[in-house]
């Protein structure tokens, strides 16, 4: 089963290299925050324990980007 999947993947790269590269870049972009954020949190907490970080809620950021909703 794994060999057949690799064969299809190689065929995709050979036939559509731009789409394959785009999928690779998207995968890296989506998975990067999964690894970088915990590493940054660990290094910032170990370097200075009393360092104040500005933690905003997602809803605050969304309002800042889209503007307040007038309901």
N, C-alpha and C. Protein backbone atom coordinates (compact mmCIF):
# COMPACT_ATOMS: atom_id res chain seq x y z
N UNK A 1 0.82 -1.19 0.00
CA UNK A 1 0.00 0.00 0.00
C UNK A 1 0.86 1.26 0.00
N UNK A 2 1.95 1.26 0.78
CA UNK A 2 2.82 2.42 0.82
C UNK A 2 3.56 2.64 -0.49
N UNK A 3 3.91 1.54 -1.18
CA UNK A 3 4.59 1.65 -2.45
C UNK A 3 3.71 2.25 -3.53
N UNK A 4 2.45 1.90 -3.50
CA UNK A 4 1.52 2.43 -4.50
C UNK A 4 1.31 3.93 -4.28
N UNK A 5 1.26 4.33 -3.01
CA UNK A 5 1.09 5.75 -2.69
C UNK A 5 2.31 6.56 -3.15
N UNK A 6 3.49 6.02 -2.94
CA UNK A 6 4.71 6.70 -3.38
C UNK A 6 4.75 6.80 -4.90
N UNK A 7 4.25 5.77 -5.57
CA UNK A 7 4.20 5.79 -7.03
C UNK A 7 3.28 6.90 -7.53
N UNK A 8 2.12 7.04 -6.89
CA UNK A 8 1.20 8.11 -7.26
C UNK A 8 1.79 9.48 -6.96
N UNK A 9 2.48 9.59 -5.83
CA UNK A 9 3.11 10.86 -5.47
C UNK A 9 4.20 11.23 -6.47
N UNK A 10 5.00 10.29 -6.86
CA UNK A 10 6.04 10.55 -7.87
C UNK A 10 5.42 10.95 -9.20
N UNK A 11 4.30 10.30 -9.56
CA UNK A 11 3.60 10.66 -10.79
C UNK A 11 3.06 12.08 -10.73
N UNK A 12 2.53 12.49 -9.57
CA UNK A 12 2.03 13.85 -9.41
C UNK A 12 3.17 14.86 -9.55
N UNK A 13 4.30 14.57 -8.92
CA UNK A 13 5.45 15.48 -9.01
C UNK A 13 5.95 15.57 -10.44
N UNK A 14 5.95 14.46 -11.16
CA UNK A 14 6.43 14.46 -12.54
C UNK A 14 5.48 15.18 -13.48
N UNK A 15 4.17 15.00 -13.27
CA UNK A 15 3.18 15.60 -14.17
C UNK A 15 2.85 17.04 -13.81
N UNK A 16 2.76 17.34 -12.53
CA UNK A 16 2.35 18.67 -12.06
C UNK A 16 3.32 19.16 -10.99
N UNK A 17 4.53 19.58 -11.36
CA UNK A 17 5.51 19.99 -10.34
C UNK A 17 5.11 21.26 -9.58
N UNK A 18 4.40 22.17 -10.24
CA UNK A 18 4.00 23.41 -9.57
C UNK A 18 2.96 23.12 -8.48
N UNK A 19 2.01 22.26 -8.79
CA UNK A 19 0.99 21.90 -7.80
C UNK A 19 1.62 21.13 -6.65
N UNK A 20 2.55 20.24 -6.93
CA UNK A 20 3.22 19.48 -5.88
C UNK A 20 4.04 20.41 -4.98
N UNK A 21 4.74 21.38 -5.58
CA UNK A 21 5.51 22.32 -4.77
C UNK A 21 4.58 23.20 -3.94
N UNK A 22 3.45 23.59 -4.50
CA UNK A 22 2.48 24.39 -3.77
C UNK A 22 1.93 23.63 -2.57
N UNK A 23 1.64 22.36 -2.76
CA UNK A 23 1.14 21.53 -1.65
C UNK A 23 2.21 21.38 -0.57
N UNK A 24 3.45 21.23 -0.97
CA UNK A 24 4.54 21.12 0.00
C UNK A 24 4.69 22.40 0.80
N UNK A 25 4.67 23.54 0.13
CA UNK A 25 4.79 24.82 0.82
C UNK A 25 3.61 25.04 1.76
N UNK A 26 2.40 24.68 1.32
CA UNK A 26 1.22 24.83 2.17
C UNK A 26 1.31 23.94 3.40
N UNK A 27 1.81 22.73 3.22
CA UNK A 27 1.95 21.82 4.35
C UNK A 27 2.94 22.37 5.37
N UNK A 28 4.04 22.92 4.89
CA UNK A 28 5.02 23.52 5.79
C UNK A 28 4.41 24.72 6.50
N UNK A 29 3.70 25.56 5.75
CA UNK A 29 3.10 26.75 6.34
C UNK A 29 2.06 26.43 7.39
N UNK A 30 1.29 25.38 7.17
CA UNK A 30 0.25 25.01 8.13
C UNK A 30 0.86 24.34 9.36
N UNK A 31 1.88 23.54 9.17
CA UNK A 31 2.44 22.80 10.30
C UNK A 31 3.49 23.59 11.09
N UNK A 32 4.02 24.64 10.52
CA UNK A 32 5.06 25.42 11.21
C UNK A 32 4.60 25.97 12.56
N UNK A 33 3.42 26.56 12.67
CA UNK A 33 3.00 27.06 13.99
C UNK A 33 2.86 25.97 15.04
N UNK A 34 2.64 24.74 14.62
CA UNK A 34 2.54 23.65 15.59
C UNK A 34 3.86 23.42 16.31
N UNK A 35 4.97 23.74 15.65
CA UNK A 35 6.28 23.50 16.24
C UNK A 35 6.93 24.78 16.77
N UNK A 36 6.74 25.89 16.08
CA UNK A 36 7.44 27.12 16.45
C UNK A 36 6.85 27.73 17.72
N UNK A 37 5.54 27.79 17.84
CA UNK A 37 4.90 28.42 19.00
C UNK A 37 5.30 27.76 20.31
N UNK A 38 5.25 26.42 20.42
CA UNK A 38 5.70 25.81 21.68
C UNK A 38 7.19 26.05 21.96
N UNK A 39 8.00 26.07 20.91
CA UNK A 39 9.43 26.33 21.12
C UNK A 39 9.65 27.75 21.61
N UNK A 40 8.94 28.72 21.04
CA UNK A 40 9.08 30.10 21.48
C UNK A 40 8.56 30.28 22.90
N UNK A 41 7.45 29.63 23.23
CA UNK A 41 6.92 29.72 24.58
C UNK A 41 7.90 29.13 25.59
N UNK A 42 8.50 28.01 25.24
CA UNK A 42 9.44 27.37 26.16
C UNK A 42 10.70 28.21 26.33
N UNK A 43 11.18 28.80 25.26
CA UNK A 43 12.40 29.60 25.37
C UNK A 43 12.14 30.92 26.08
N UNK A 44 10.97 31.52 25.88
CA UNK A 44 10.69 32.80 26.55
C UNK A 44 10.44 32.59 28.03
N UNK A 45 9.81 31.48 28.41
CA UNK A 45 9.56 31.26 29.83
C UNK A 45 10.83 30.87 30.56
N UNK A 46 11.77 30.22 29.87
CA UNK A 46 13.01 29.84 30.54
C UNK A 46 13.99 31.00 30.60
N UNK A 47 13.92 31.95 29.64
CA UNK A 47 14.89 33.05 29.64
C UNK A 47 14.54 34.11 30.67
N UNK A 48 13.29 34.46 30.83
CA UNK A 48 12.90 35.40 31.87
C UNK A 48 11.50 35.07 32.33
N UNK A 49 11.38 34.78 33.60
CA UNK A 49 10.09 34.34 34.12
C UNK A 49 9.15 35.51 34.37
N UNK A 50 9.66 36.74 34.55
CA UNK A 50 8.80 37.87 34.83
C UNK A 50 8.58 38.75 33.60
N UNK A 51 8.94 38.29 32.45
CA UNK A 51 8.76 39.04 31.21
C UNK A 51 7.27 39.09 30.87
N UNK A 52 6.77 40.30 30.64
CA UNK A 52 5.35 40.46 30.33
C UNK A 52 5.14 40.32 28.83
N UNK A 53 4.28 39.41 28.46
CA UNK A 53 3.97 39.24 27.05
C UNK A 53 2.54 39.67 26.82
N UNK A 54 2.30 40.27 25.69
CA UNK A 54 0.98 40.76 25.34
C UNK A 54 0.19 39.63 24.69
N UNK A 55 -0.67 39.01 25.44
CA UNK A 55 -1.50 37.92 24.94
C UNK A 55 -2.89 38.48 24.64
N UNK A 56 -3.26 38.48 23.38
CA UNK A 56 -4.57 38.97 22.98
C UNK A 56 -5.47 37.80 22.64
N UNK A 57 -6.74 38.01 22.88
CA UNK A 57 -7.71 37.00 22.50
C UNK A 57 -7.96 37.09 21.01
N UNK A 58 -8.37 35.97 20.41
CA UNK A 58 -8.62 35.93 18.99
C UNK A 58 -9.74 36.89 18.60
N UNK A 59 -10.75 37.01 19.43
CA UNK A 59 -11.87 37.91 19.11
C UNK A 59 -11.41 39.36 19.06
N UNK A 60 -10.47 39.75 19.93
CA UNK A 60 -9.93 41.12 19.89
C UNK A 60 -9.18 41.38 18.59
N UNK A 61 -8.41 40.40 18.16
CA UNK A 61 -7.65 40.54 16.92
C UNK A 61 -8.60 40.59 15.74
N UNK A 62 -9.64 39.77 15.76
CA UNK A 62 -10.62 39.76 14.68
C UNK A 62 -11.34 41.10 14.56
N UNK A 63 -11.70 41.69 15.69
CA UNK A 63 -12.35 43.01 15.67
C UNK A 63 -11.38 44.07 15.14
N UNK A 64 -10.12 43.98 15.50
CA UNK A 64 -9.14 44.95 15.03
C UNK A 64 -8.94 44.86 13.52
N UNK A 65 -9.03 43.67 12.98
CA UNK A 65 -8.82 43.48 11.55
C UNK A 65 -10.07 43.82 10.74
N UNK A 66 -11.21 43.34 11.19
CA UNK A 66 -12.44 43.50 10.40
C UNK A 66 -13.27 44.71 10.80
N UNK A 67 -12.99 45.29 11.97
CA UNK A 67 -13.79 46.40 12.46
C UNK A 67 -14.92 45.89 13.33
N UNK A 68 -15.45 46.76 14.15
CA UNK A 68 -16.53 46.32 15.05
C UNK A 68 -17.79 46.00 14.25
N UNK A 69 -18.51 45.00 14.74
CA UNK A 69 -19.76 44.63 14.06
C UNK A 69 -20.88 45.45 14.65
N UNK A 70 -21.65 46.09 13.80
CA UNK A 70 -22.76 46.91 14.24
C UNK A 70 -24.04 46.10 14.11
N UNK A 71 -24.43 45.46 15.19
CA UNK A 71 -25.64 44.63 15.15
C UNK A 71 -26.78 45.35 15.80
